[in-house]
Amino acid sequence: CAAADDGAERVETALALLSERYREGRSGIVLEHVAGGWA
């Protein structure tokens, strides 16, 4: 949120879009929630 200068709700919506785009079986890389953050 701080880096993107945007609100938590919108950032979480963006993360949901990215999670769908980068899910197992669809992409060579996967977005995951790990160690208290996203990577």
PDB file of all heavy atoms in Angstrom:
ATOM      1  N   CYS A   1       0.834  -1.209   0.000  1.00  0.00           N
ATOM      2  CA  CYS A   1       0.000   0.000   0.000  1.00  0.00           C
ATOM      3  C   CYS A   1       0.867   1.257   0.000  1.00  0.00           C
ATOM      4  O   CYS A   1       0.620   2.199  -0.762  1.00  0.00           O
ATOM      5  CB  CYS A   1      -0.917   0.025   1.225  1.00  0.00           C
ATOM      6  SG  CYS A   1      -2.228  -1.194   1.175  1.00  0.00           S
ATOM      7  N   ALA A   2       1.886   1.255   0.860  1.00  0.00           N
ATOM      8  CA  ALA A   2       2.760   2.432   0.957  1.00  0.00           C
ATOM      9  C   ALA A   2       3.508   2.667  -0.352  1.00  0.00           C
ATOM     10  O   ALA A   2       3.585   3.802  -0.839  1.00  0.00           O
ATOM     11  CB  ALA A   2       3.743   2.249   2.120  1.00  0.00           C
ATOM     12  N   ALA A   3       4.059   1.589  -0.926  1.00  0.00           N
ATOM     13  CA  ALA A   3       4.829   1.749  -2.163  1.00  0.00           C
ATOM     14  C   ALA A   3       3.941   2.119  -3.346  1.00  0.00           C
ATOM     15  O   ALA A   3       4.326   2.938  -4.182  1.00  0.00           O
ATOM     16  CB  ALA A   3       5.595   0.458  -2.461  1.00  0.00           C
ATOM     17  N   ALA A   4       2.746   1.531  -3.407  1.00  0.00           N
ATOM     18  CA  ALA A   4       1.834   1.803  -4.520  1.00  0.00           C
ATOM     19  C   ALA A   4       1.018   3.066  -4.286  1.00  0.00           C
ATOM     20  O   ALA A   4       0.317   3.526  -5.187  1.00  0.00           O
ATOM     21  CB  ALA A   4       0.889   0.615  -4.726  1.00  0.00           C
ATOM     22  N   ASP A   5       1.094   3.603  -3.070  1.00  0.00           N
ATOM     23  CA  ASP A   5       0.328   4.794  -2.691  1.00  0.00           C
ATOM     24  C   ASP A   5      -1.167   4.570  -2.950  1.00  0.00           C
ATOM     25  O   ASP A   5      -1.829   5.352  -3.633  1.00  0.00           O
ATOM     26  CB  ASP A   5       0.841   6.026  -3.445  1.00  0.00           C
ATOM     27  CG  ASP A   5       0.309   7.324  -2.837  1.00  0.00           C
ATOM     28  OD1 ASP A   5      -0.030   7.325  -1.632  1.00  0.00           O
ATOM     29  OD2 ASP A   5       0.221   8.335  -3.567  1.00  0.00           O
ATOM     30  N   ASP A   6      -1.673   3.452  -2.399  1.00  0.00           N
ATOM     31  CA  ASP A   6      -3.072   3.099  -2.597  1.00  0.00           C
ATOM     32  C   ASP A   6      -3.595   2.405  -1.347  1.00  0.00           C
ATOM     33  O   ASP A   6      -2.827   2.045  -0.458  1.00  0.00           O
ATOM     34  CB  ASP A   6      -3.219   2.184  -3.817  1.00  0.00           C
ATOM     35  CG  ASP A   6      -4.526   2.453  -4.572  1.00  0.00           C
ATOM     36  OD1 ASP A   6      -5.570   2.596  -3.910  1.00  0.00           O
ATOM     37  OD2 ASP A   6      -4.479   2.510  -5.813  1.00  0.00           O
ATOM     38  N   GLY A   7      -4.904   2.199  -1.279  1.00  0.00           N
ATOM     39  CA  GLY A   7      -5.549   1.630  -0.104  1.00  0.00           C
ATOM     40  C   GLY A   7      -5.482   0.111  -0.046  1.00  0.00           C
ATOM     41  O   GLY A   7      -5.325  -0.568  -1.066  1.00  0.00           O
ATOM     42  N   ALA A   8      -5.642  -0.413   1.170  1.00  0.00           N
ATOM     43  CA  ALA A   8      -5.529  -1.851   1.407  1.00  0.00           C
ATOM     44  C   ALA A   8      -6.563  -2.651   0.618  1.00  0.00           C
ATOM     45  O   ALA A   8      -6.241  -3.703   0.050  1.00  0.00           O
ATOM     46  CB  ALA A   8      -5.656  -2.146   2.897  1.00  0.00           C
ATOM     47  N   GLU A   9      -7.799  -2.154   0.553  1.00  0.00           N
ATOM     48  CA  GLU A   9      -8.850  -2.903  -0.139  1.00  0.00           C
ATOM     49  C   GLU A   9      -8.525  -3.056  -1.615  1.00  0.00           C
ATOM     50  O   GLU A   9      -8.665  -4.139  -2.195  1.00  0.00           O
ATOM     51  CB  GLU A   9     -10.202  -2.205   0.051  1.00  0.00           C
ATOM     52  CG  GLU A   9     -11.367  -3.014  -0.480  1.00  0.00           C
ATOM     53  CD  GLU A   9     -12.707  -2.353  -0.182  1.00  0.00           C
ATOM     54  OE1 GLU A   9     -12.843  -1.665   0.852  1.00  0.00           O
ATOM     55  OE2 GLU A   9     -13.622  -2.535  -1.001  1.00  0.00           O
ATOM     56  N   ARG A  10      -8.054  -1.971  -2.234  1.00  0.00           N
ATOM     57  CA  ARG A  10      -7.707  -2.036  -3.665  1.00  0.00           C
ATOM     58  C   ARG A  10      -6.461  -2.892  -3.905  1.00  0.00           C
ATOM     59  O   ARG A  10      -6.400  -3.646  -4.883  1.00  0.00           O
ATOM     60  CB  ARG A  10      -7.518  -0.625  -4.224  1.00  0.00           C
ATOM     61  CG  ARG A  10      -8.849   0.084  -4.462  1.00  0.00           C
ATOM     62  CD  ARG A  10      -8.701   1.540  -4.866  1.00  0.00           C
ATOM     63  NE  ARG A  10      -7.602   1.864  -5.746  1.00  0.00           N
ATOM     64  CZ  ARG A  10      -7.632   1.792  -7.086  1.00  0.00           C
ATOM     65  NH1 ARG A  10      -8.740   1.396  -7.697  1.00  0.00           N
ATOM     66  NH2 ARG A  10      -6.575   2.117  -7.802  1.00  0.00           N
ATOM     67  N   VAL A  11      -5.487  -2.806  -3.004  1.00  0.00           N
ATOM     68  CA  VAL A  11      -4.283  -3.639  -3.150  1.00  0.00           C
ATOM     69  C   VAL A  11      -4.648  -5.114  -3.008  1.00  0.00           C
ATOM     70  O   VAL A  11      -4.160  -5.961  -3.759  1.00  0.00           O
ATOM     71  CB  VAL A  11      -3.200  -3.222  -2.129  1.00  0.00           C
ATOM     72  CG1 VAL A  11      -2.090  -4.271  -2.021  1.00  0.00           C
ATOM     73  CG2 VAL A  11      -2.604  -1.864  -2.506  1.00  0.00           C
ATOM     74  N   GLU A  12      -5.539  -5.443  -2.065  1.00  0.00           N
ATOM     75  CA  GLU A  12      -5.969  -6.832  -1.912  1.00  0.00           C
ATOM     76  C   GLU A  12      -6.737  -7.319  -3.145  1.00  0.00           C
ATOM     77  O   GLU A  12      -6.606  -8.483  -3.537  1.00  0.00           O
ATOM     78  CB  GLU A  12      -6.787  -6.989  -0.635  1.00  0.00           C
ATOM     79  CG  GLU A  12      -5.906  -6.923   0.609  1.00  0.00           C
ATOM     80  CD  GLU A  12      -6.676  -6.825   1.909  1.00  0.00           C
ATOM     81  OE1 GLU A  12      -7.921  -6.772   1.870  1.00  0.00           O
ATOM     82  OE2 GLU A  12      -6.025  -6.798   2.962  1.00  0.00           O
ATOM     83  N   THR A  13      -7.507  -6.437  -3.766  1.00  0.00           N
ATOM     84  CA  THR A  13      -8.192  -6.799  -5.016  1.00  0.00           C
ATOM     85  C   THR A  13      -7.169  -7.067  -6.112  1.00  0.00           C
ATOM     86  O   THR A  13      -7.288  -8.029  -6.874  1.00  0.00           O
ATOM     87  CB  THR A  13      -9.161  -5.672  -5.448  1.00  0.00           C
ATOM     88  OG1 THR A  13     -10.124  -5.465  -4.409  1.00  0.00           O
ATOM     89  CG2 THR A  13      -9.871  -6.007  -6.741  1.00  0.00           C
ATOM     90  N   ALA A  14      -6.135  -6.221  -6.174  1.00  0.00           N
ATOM     91  CA  ALA A  14      -5.065  -6.413  -7.157  1.00  0.00           C
ATOM     92  C   ALA A  14      -4.338  -7.733  -6.906  1.00  0.00           C
ATOM     93  O   ALA A  14      -4.023  -8.470  -7.848  1.00  0.00           O
ATOM     94  CB  ALA A  14      -4.085  -5.237  -7.108  1.00  0.00           C
ATOM     95  N   LEU A  15      -4.097  -8.057  -5.636  1.00  0.00           N
ATOM     96  CA  LEU A  15      -3.440  -9.323  -5.300  1.00  0.00           C
ATOM     97  C   LEU A  15      -4.301 -10.523  -5.709  1.00  0.00           C
ATOM     98  O   LEU A  15      -3.786 -11.538  -6.170  1.00  0.00           O
ATOM     99  CB  LEU A  15      -3.132  -9.384  -3.802  1.00  0.00           C
ATOM    100  CG  LEU A  15      -1.953  -8.528  -3.337  1.00  0.00           C
ATOM    101  CD1 LEU A  15      -1.964  -8.386  -1.824  1.00  0.00           C
ATOM    102  CD2 LEU A  15      -0.628  -9.108  -3.819  1.00  0.00           C
ATOM    103  N   ALA A  16      -5.606 -10.393  -5.552  1.00  0.00           N
ATOM    104  CA  ALA A  16      -6.517 -11.465  -5.964  1.00  0.00           C
ATOM    105  C   ALA A  16      -6.434 -11.681  -7.478  1.00  0.00           C
ATOM    106  O   ALA A  16      -6.423 -12.828  -7.955  1.00  0.00           O
ATOM    107  CB  ALA A  16      -7.944 -11.146  -5.536  1.00  0.00           C
ATOM    108  N   LEU A  17      -6.363 -10.585  -8.246  1.00  0.00           N
ATOM    109  CA  LEU A  17      -6.219 -10.702  -9.706  1.00  0.00           C
ATOM    110  C   LEU A  17      -4.908 -11.400 -10.063  1.00  0.00           C
ATOM    111  O   LEU A  17      -4.868 -12.285 -10.923  1.00  0.00           O
ATOM    112  CB  LEU A  17      -6.242  -9.317 -10.360  1.00  0.00           C
ATOM    113  CG  LEU A  17      -7.586  -8.598 -10.435  1.00  0.00           C
ATOM    114  CD1 LEU A  17      -7.396  -7.179 -10.957  1.00  0.00           C
ATOM    115  CD2 LEU A  17      -8.547  -9.358 -11.329  1.00  0.00           C
ATOM    116  N   LEU A  18      -3.832 -10.994  -9.371  1.00  0.00           N
ATOM    117  CA  LEU A  18      -2.523 -11.591  -9.642  1.00  0.00           C
ATOM    118  C   LEU A  18      -2.480 -13.057  -9.213  1.00  0.00           C
ATOM    119  O   LEU A  18      -1.854 -13.877  -9.885  1.00  0.00           O
ATOM    120  CB  LEU A  18      -1.415 -10.794  -8.931  1.00  0.00           C
ATOM    121  CG  LEU A  18      -1.169  -9.389  -9.473  1.00  0.00           C
ATOM    122  CD1 LEU A  18      -0.195  -8.643  -8.573  1.00  0.00           C
ATOM    123  CD2 LEU A  18      -0.645  -9.438 -10.902  1.00  0.00           C
ATOM    124  N   SER A  19      -3.148 -13.382  -8.108  1.00  0.00           N
ATOM    125  CA  SER A  19      -3.182 -14.773  -7.645  1.00  0.00           C
ATOM    126  C   SER A  19      -3.830 -15.671  -8.683  1.00  0.00           C
ATOM    127  O   SER A  19      -3.404 -16.813  -8.897  1.00  0.00           O
ATOM    128  CB  SER A  19      -3.950 -14.883  -6.319  1.00  0.00           C
ATOM    129  OG  SER A  19      -3.245 -14.252  -5.294  1.00  0.00           O
ATOM    130  N   GLU A  20      -4.858 -15.164  -9.332  1.00  0.00           N
ATOM    131  CA  GLU A  20      -5.531 -15.938 -10.378  1.00  0.00           C
ATOM    132  C   GLU A  20      -4.625 -16.072 -11.604  1.00  0.00           C
ATOM    133  O   GLU A  20      -4.510 -17.142 -12.195  1.00  0.00           O
ATOM    134  CB  GLU A  20      -6.853 -15.257 -10.763  1.00  0.00           C
ATOM    135  CG  GLU A  20      -7.598 -15.931 -11.896  1.00  0.00           C
ATOM    136  CD  GLU A  20      -7.969 -17.387 -11.612  1.00  0.00           C
ATOM    137  OE1 GLU A  20      -8.079 -17.781 -10.435  1.00  0.00           O
ATOM    138  OE2 GLU A  20      -8.140 -18.136 -12.598  1.00  0.00           O
ATOM    139  N   ARG A  21      -3.972 -14.977 -11.963  1.00  0.00           N
ATOM    140  CA  ARG A  21      -3.088 -14.990 -13.131  1.00  0.00           C
ATOM    141  C   ARG A  21      -1.894 -15.911 -12.909  1.00  0.00           C
ATOM    142  O   ARG A  21      -1.450 -16.601 -13.813  1.00  0.00           O
ATOM    143  CB  ARG A  21      -2.600 -13.562 -13.418  1.00  0.00           C
ATOM    144  CG  ARG A  21      -1.763 -13.430 -14.677  1.00  0.00           C
ATOM    145  CD  ARG A  21      -1.306 -12.005 -14.912  1.00  0.00           C
ATOM    146  NE  ARG A  21      -2.410 -11.078 -14.916  1.00  0.00           N
ATOM    147  CZ  ARG A  21      -2.307  -9.766 -14.673  1.00  0.00           C
ATOM    148  NH1 ARG A  21      -1.126  -9.234 -14.418  1.00  0.00           N
ATOM    149  NH2 ARG A  21      -3.359  -8.989 -14.689  1.00  0.00           N
ATOM    150  N   TYR A  22      -1.340 -15.896 -11.694  1.00  0.00           N
ATOM    151  CA  TYR A  22      -0.140 -16.666 -11.363  1.00  0.00           C
ATOM    152  C   TYR A  22      -0.478 -17.816 -10.425  1.00  0.00           C
ATOM    153  O   TYR A  22       0.096 -17.948  -9.365  1.00  0.00           O
ATOM    154  CB  TYR A  22       0.913 -15.755 -10.719  1.00  0.00           C
ATOM    155  CG  TYR A  22       1.448 -14.702 -11.658  1.00  0.00           C
ATOM    156  CD1 TYR A  22       1.091 -13.372 -11.504  1.00  0.00           C
ATOM    157  CD2 TYR A  22       2.315 -15.041 -12.689  1.00  0.00           C
ATOM    158  CE1 TYR A  22       1.575 -12.400 -12.364  1.00  0.00           C
ATOM    159  CE2 TYR A  22       2.802 -14.077 -13.555  1.00  0.00           C
ATOM    160  CZ  TYR A  22       2.429 -12.754 -13.386  1.00  0.00           C
ATOM    161  OH  TYR A  22       2.916 -11.812 -14.231  1.00  0.00           O
ATOM    162  N   ARG A  23      -1.397 -18.666 -10.823  1.00  0.00           N
ATOM    163  CA  ARG A  23      -1.729 -19.807  -9.979  1.00  0.00           C
ATOM    164  C   ARG A  23      -1.046 -21.060 -10.518  1.00  0.00           C
ATOM    165  O   ARG A  23      -0.664 -21.123 -11.688  1.00  0.00           O
ATOM    166  CB  ARG A  23      -3.238 -20.005  -9.868  1.00  0.00           C
ATOM    167  CG  ARG A  23      -3.903 -20.525 -11.111  1.00  0.00           C
ATOM    168  CD  ARG A  23      -5.375 -20.850 -10.838  1.00  0.00           C
ATOM    169  NE  ARG A  23      -5.933 -21.586 -11.947  1.00  0.00           N
ATOM    170  CZ  ARG A  23      -6.628 -21.046 -12.919  1.00  0.00           C
ATOM    171  NH1 ARG A  23      -6.885 -19.762 -12.914  1.00  0.00           N
ATOM    172  NH2 ARG A  23      -7.092 -21.804 -13.898  1.00  0.00           N
ATOM    173  N   GLU A  24      -0.895 -22.038  -9.641  1.00  0.00           N
ATOM    174  CA  GLU A  24      -0.244 -23.303 -10.005  1.00  0.00           C
ATOM    175  C   GLU A  24      -0.959 -23.922 -11.194  1.00  0.00           C
ATOM    176  O   GLU A  24      -2.183 -23.970 -11.241  1.00  0.00           O
ATOM    177  CB  GLU A  24      -0.309 -24.243  -8.796  1.00  0.00           C
ATOM    178  CG  GLU A  24       0.659 -25.397  -8.857  1.00  0.00           C
ATOM    179  CD  GLU A  24       2.101 -24.996  -8.619  1.00  0.00           C
ATOM    180  OE1 GLU A  24       2.414 -24.385  -7.578  1.00  0.00           O
ATOM    181  OE2 GLU A  24       2.923 -25.314  -9.495  1.00  0.00           O
ATOM    182  N   GLY A  25      -0.192 -24.367 -12.186  1.00  0.00           N
ATOM    183  CA  GLY A  25      -0.765 -25.003 -13.369  1.00  0.00           C
ATOM    184  C   GLY A  25      -1.093 -24.041 -14.491  1.00  0.00           C
ATOM    185  O   GLY A  25      -1.373 -24.453 -15.601  1.00  0.00           O
ATOM    186  N   ARG A  26      -1.037 -22.749 -14.196  1.00  0.00           N
ATOM    187  CA  ARG A  26      -1.369 -21.765 -15.225  1.00  0.00           C
ATOM    188  C   ARG A  26      -0.149 -20.965 -15.651  1.00  0.00           C
ATOM    189  O   ARG A  26      -0.109 -20.430 -16.753  1.00  0.00           O
ATOM    190  CB  ARG A  26      -2.450 -20.829 -14.686  1.00  0.00           C
ATOM    191  CG  ARG A  26      -2.935 -19.836 -15.701  1.00  0.00           C
ATOM    192  CD  ARG A  26      -4.119 -19.071 -15.210  1.00  0.00           C
ATOM    193  NE  ARG A  26      -4.594 -18.198 -16.270  1.00  0.00           N
ATOM    194  CZ  ARG A  26      -5.626 -17.413 -16.177  1.00  0.00           C
ATOM    195  NH1 ARG A  26      -6.335 -17.398 -15.059  1.00  0.00           N
ATOM    196  NH2 ARG A  26      -6.003 -16.655 -17.173  1.00  0.00           N
ATOM    197  N   SER A  27       0.836 -20.868 -14.744  1.00  0.00           N
ATOM    198  CA  SER A  27       2.010 -20.039 -15.002  1.00  0.00           C
ATOM    199  C   SER A  27       3.257 -20.735 -14.465  1.00  0.00           C
ATOM    200  O   SER A  27       3.171 -21.609 -13.601  1.00  0.00           O
ATOM    201  CB  SER A  27       1.820 -18.685 -14.304  1.00  0.00           C
ATOM    202  OG  SER A  27       3.003 -17.919 -14.355  1.00  0.00           O
ATOM    203  N   GLY A  28       4.405 -20.331 -14.973  1.00  0.00           N
ATOM    204  CA  GLY A  28       5.675 -20.864 -14.478  1.00  0.00           C
ATOM    205  C   GLY A  28       6.061 -20.307 -13.128  1.00  0.00           C
ATOM    206  O   GLY A  28       6.936 -20.846 -12.450  1.00  0.00           O
ATOM    207  N   ILE A  29       5.432 -19.192 -12.758  1.00  0.00           N
ATOM    208  CA  ILE A  29       5.643 -18.648 -11.420  1.00  0.00           C
ATOM    209  C   ILE A  29       4.299 -18.565 -10.718  1.00  0.00           C
ATOM    210  O   ILE A  29       3.251 -18.484 -11.354  1.00  0.00           O
ATOM    211  CB  ILE A  29       6.344 -17.261 -11.427  1.00  0.00           C
ATOM    212  CG1 ILE A  29       5.561 -16.253 -12.267  1.00  0.00           C
ATOM    213  CG2 ILE A  29       7.780 -17.373 -11.887  1.00  0.00           C
ATOM    214  CD1 ILE A  29       6.133 -14.855 -12.219  1.00  0.00           C
ATOM    215  N   VAL A  30       4.347 -18.636  -9.402  1.00  0.00           N
ATOM    216  CA  VAL A  30       3.143 -18.683  -8.586  1.00  0.00           C
ATOM    217  C   VAL A  30       3.231 -17.583  -7.531  1.00  0.00           C
ATOM    218  O   VAL A  30       4.281 -17.373  -6.931  1.00  0.00           O
ATOM    219  CB  VAL A  30       3.014 -20.066  -7.898  1.00  0.00           C
ATOM    220  CG1 VAL A  30       1.820 -20.111  -6.968  1.00  0.00           C
ATOM    221  CG2 VAL A  30       2.927 -21.168  -8.942  1.00  0.00           C
ATOM    222  N   LEU A  31       2.118 -16.891  -7.315  1.00  0.00           N
ATOM    223  CA  LEU A  31       2.041 -15.890  -6.253  1.00  0.00           C
ATOM    224  C   LEU A  31       1.530 -16.584  -5.011  1.00  0.00           C
ATOM    225  O   LEU A  31       0.523 -17.282  -5.051  1.00  0.00           O
ATOM    226  CB  LEU A  31       1.102 -14.749  -6.656  1.00  0.00           C
ATOM    227  CG  LEU A  31       0.934 -13.636  -5.616  1.00  0.00           C
ATOM    228  CD1 LEU A  31       2.259 -12.925  -5.343  1.00  0.00           C
ATOM    229  CD2 LEU A  31      -0.115 -12.627  -6.082  1.00  0.00           C
ATOM    230  N   GLU A  32       2.248 -16.410  -3.893  1.00  0.00           N
ATOM    231  CA  GLU A  32       1.821 -17.049  -2.652  1.00  0.00           C
ATOM    232  C   GLU A  32       1.932 -16.108  -1.474  1.00  0.00           C
ATOM    233  O   GLU A  32       2.737 -15.185  -1.477  1.00  0.00           O
ATOM    234  CB  GLU A  32       2.621 -18.326  -2.381  1.00  0.00           C
ATOM    235  CG  GLU A  32       4.086 -18.079  -2.082  1.00  0.00           C
ATOM    236  CD  GLU A  32       4.841 -19.360  -1.771  1.00  0.00           C
ATOM    237  OE1 GLU A  32       4.212 -20.418  -1.630  1.00  0.00           O
ATOM    238  OE2 GLU A  32       6.066 -19.276  -1.656  1.00  0.00           O
ATOM    239  N   HIS A  33       1.096 -16.356  -0.467  1.00  0.00           N
ATOM    240  CA  HIS A  33       1.164 -15.619   0.792  1.00  0.00           C
ATOM    241  C   HIS A  33       2.024 -16.438   1.724  1.00  0.00           C
ATOM    242  O   HIS A  33       1.674 -17.552   2.096  1.00  0.00           O
ATOM    243  CB  HIS A  33      -0.239 -15.423   1.377  1.00  0.00           C
ATOM    244  CG  HIS A  33      -0.264 -14.439   2.492  1.00  0.00           C
ATOM    245  ND1 HIS A  33      -0.707 -14.760   3.743  1.00  0.00           N
ATOM    246  CD2 HIS A  33       0.120 -13.140   2.547  1.00  0.00           C
ATOM    247  CE1 HIS A  33      -0.611 -13.702   4.527  1.00  0.00           C
ATOM    248  NE2 HIS A  33      -0.112 -12.718   3.817  1.00  0.00           N
ATOM    249  N   VAL A  34       3.194 -15.909   2.084  1.00  0.00           N
ATOM    250  CA  VAL A  34       4.158 -16.665   2.874  1.00  0.00           C
ATOM    251  C   VAL A  34       4.969 -15.707   3.733  1.00  0.00           C
ATOM    252  O   VAL A  34       5.199 -14.554   3.340  1.00  0.00           O
ATOM    253  CB  VAL A  34       5.076 -17.497   1.944  1.00  0.00           C
ATOM    254  CG1 VAL A  34       5.920 -16.609   1.049  1.00  0.00           C
ATOM    255  CG2 VAL A  34       5.952 -18.445   2.721  1.00  0.00           C
ATOM    256  N   ALA A  35       5.369 -16.156   4.929  1.00  0.00           N
ATOM    257  CA  ALA A  35       6.213 -15.369   5.840  1.00  0.00           C
ATOM    258  C   ALA A  35       5.618 -13.988   6.105  1.00  0.00           C
ATOM    259  O   ALA A  35       6.333 -12.993   6.187  1.00  0.00           O
ATOM    260  CB  ALA A  35       7.636 -15.247   5.290  1.00  0.00           C
ATOM    261  N   GLY A  36       4.289 -13.916   6.210  1.00  0.00           N
ATOM    262  CA  GLY A  36       3.634 -12.653   6.543  1.00  0.00           C
ATOM    263  C   GLY A  36       3.504 -11.675   5.395  1.00  0.00           C
ATOM    264  O   GLY A  36       3.118 -10.523   5.598  1.00  0.00           O
ATOM    265  N   GLY A  37       3.822 -12.106   4.184  1.00  0.00           N
ATOM    266  CA  GLY A  37       3.730 -11.205   3.040  1.00  0.00           C
ATOM    267  C   GLY A  37       3.442 -11.970   1.762  1.00  0.00           C
ATOM    268  O   GLY A  37       3.130 -13.158   1.788  1.00  0.00           O
ATOM    269  N   TRP A  38       3.555 -11.267   0.641  1.00  0.00           N
ATOM    270  CA  TRP A  38       3.281 -11.855  -0.679  1.00  0.00           C
ATOM    271  C   TRP A  38       4.573 -11.937  -1.471  1.00  0.00           C
ATOM    272  O   TRP A  38       5.396 -11.022  -1.432  1.00  0.00           O
ATOM    273  CB  TRP A  38       2.257 -11.011  -1.430  1.00  0.00           C
ATOM    274  CG  TRP A  38       0.907 -11.093  -0.817  1.00  0.00           C
ATOM    275  CD1 TRP A  38       0.401 -10.311   0.182  1.00  0.00           C
ATOM    276  CD2 TRP A  38      -0.114 -12.042  -1.133  1.00  0.00           C
ATOM    277  NE1 TRP A  38      -0.873 -10.718   0.507  1.00  0.00           N
ATOM    278  CE2 TRP A  38      -1.221 -11.775  -0.294  1.00  0.00           C
ATOM    279  CE3 TRP A  38      -0.211 -13.087  -2.047  1.00  0.00           C
ATOM    280  CZ2 TRP A  38      -2.395 -12.512  -0.339  1.00  0.00           C
ATOM    281  CZ3 TRP A  38      -1.374 -13.829  -2.099  1.00  0.00           C
ATOM    282  CH2 TRP A  38      -2.454 -13.536  -1.261  1.00  0.00           C
ATOM    283  N   ALA A  39       4.765 -13.045  -2.199  1.00  0.00           N
ATOM    284  CA  ALA A  39       5.986 -13.241  -2.978  1.00  0.00           C
ATOM    285  C   ALA A  39       5.725 -14.203  -4.123  1.00  0.00           C
ATOM    286  O   ALA A  39       4.791 -15.010  -4.077  1.00  0.00           O
ATOM    287  CB  ALA A  39       7.096 -13.790  -2.085  1.00  0.00           C
TER     288      ALA A  39
END
